[in-house]
Amino acid sequence: MTDNLTIWKALQRHIPKMRWVPLSEILATVQIQIHLDEEDLDRVRSRSGTPRWESNVRHLLWMKRQTGSIRGRESQRPRS
């Protein structure tokens, strides 16, 4: 299974900095740039149909946002 460090390095190399990037673009980048193994492709839950690697990317992004390493889209909007 692909570890978080490998995913993070791929994102740092291939995702533009200082601009909001849609999750779909982030997931597509990981799928293209990383060789995903069988464990990555396993489904997290039988009903969800979400591959494990997608859940791992989402969790990694959530962790990075919690620590302030990245910002979410709403944090870039001007406050009214």
Protein backbone atom coordinates (compact mmCIF):
# COMPACT_ATOMS: atom_id res chain seq x y z
CA MET A 1 0.00 0.00 0.00
CA THR A 2 1.25 3.46 -0.86
CA ASP A 3 2.30 5.44 2.21
CA ASN A 4 1.37 9.05 2.96
CA LEU A 5 4.89 10.35 2.36
CA THR A 6 4.87 8.99 -1.21
CA ILE A 7 1.47 10.56 -1.86
CA TRP A 8 2.53 13.89 -0.35
CA LYS A 9 5.76 14.03 -2.38
CA ALA A 10 3.82 13.36 -5.60
CA LEU A 11 1.38 16.14 -4.76
CA GLN A 12 4.17 18.57 -3.96
CA ARG A 13 5.86 17.82 -7.30
CA HIS A 14 2.80 17.93 -9.53
CA ILE A 15 0.16 20.18 -7.97
CA PRO A 16 0.47 23.97 -8.49
CA LYS A 17 1.27 25.93 -5.36
CA MET A 18 -0.58 28.98 -4.05
CA ARG A 19 -3.85 28.26 -5.81
CA TRP A 20 -6.94 26.23 -5.02
CA VAL A 21 -6.96 22.86 -6.79
CA PRO A 22 -10.17 20.78 -7.09
CA LEU A 23 -10.13 17.42 -5.34
CA SER A 24 -10.79 15.70 -8.67
CA GLU A 25 -7.53 17.13 -10.03
CA ILE A 26 -5.63 16.04 -6.92
CA LEU A 27 -7.00 12.50 -7.18
CA ALA A 28 -6.24 12.34 -10.92
CA THR A 29 -2.66 13.44 -10.24
CA VAL A 30 -2.14 10.71 -7.64
CA GLN A 31 -3.67 8.10 -9.93
CA ILE A 32 -1.36 9.10 -12.80
CA GLN A 33 1.85 9.73 -10.86
CA ILE A 34 1.86 6.79 -8.44
CA HIS A 35 1.86 3.10 -9.25
CA LEU A 36 -1.11 1.87 -7.21
CA ASP A 37 -0.89 -1.72 -6.01
CA GLU A 38 -3.67 -4.21 -5.26
CA GLU A 39 -3.99 -3.06 -1.66
CA ASP A 40 -4.43 0.55 -2.84
CA LEU A 41 -7.18 -0.54 -5.22
CA ASP A 42 -9.13 -2.49 -2.56
CA ARG A 43 -12.45 -0.97 -1.61
CA VAL A 44 -12.63 0.61 1.85
CA ARG A 45 -16.23 -0.41 2.43
CA SER A 46 -18.21 -2.83 0.35
CA ARG A 47 -21.02 -0.31 -0.25
CA SER A 48 -18.98 2.84 -0.88
CA GLY A 49 -17.00 1.61 -3.86
CA THR A 50 -14.20 4.02 -2.92
CA PRO A 51 -10.71 2.61 -3.48
CA ARG A 52 -8.45 2.70 -0.42
CA TRP A 53 -5.98 5.07 -2.12
CA GLU A 54 -8.70 7.72 -2.57
CA SER A 55 -9.63 7.53 1.08
CA ASN A 56 -5.96 7.77 2.01
CA VAL A 57 -5.52 10.91 -0.13
CA ARG A 58 -8.59 12.53 1.42
CA HIS A 59 -7.37 11.68 4.92
CA LEU A 60 -3.88 13.00 4.16
CA LEU A 61 -5.33 16.28 2.89
CA TRP A 62 -7.51 16.55 6.00
CA MET A 63 -4.46 16.00 8.24
CA LYS A 64 -2.41 18.58 6.32
CA ARG A 65 -5.25 21.07 6.63
CA GLN A 66 -5.55 20.45 10.38
CA THR A 67 -1.84 21.20 10.85
CA GLY A 68 -1.99 24.30 8.64
CA SER A 69 0.24 22.85 5.90
CA ILE A 70 -2.51 23.51 3.37
CA ARG A 71 -5.61 25.66 3.30
CA GLY A 72 -9.10 24.75 2.22
CA ARG A 73 -10.99 26.72 -0.38
CA GLU A 74 -13.19 28.48 2.18
CA SER A 75 -10.14 29.86 3.96
CA GLN A 76 -9.16 31.71 0.76
CA ARG A 77 -12.49 33.52 0.34
CA PRO A 78 -12.71 37.12 1.50
CA ARG A 79 -14.73 37.52 4.68
CA SER A 80 -17.86 39.62 4.53
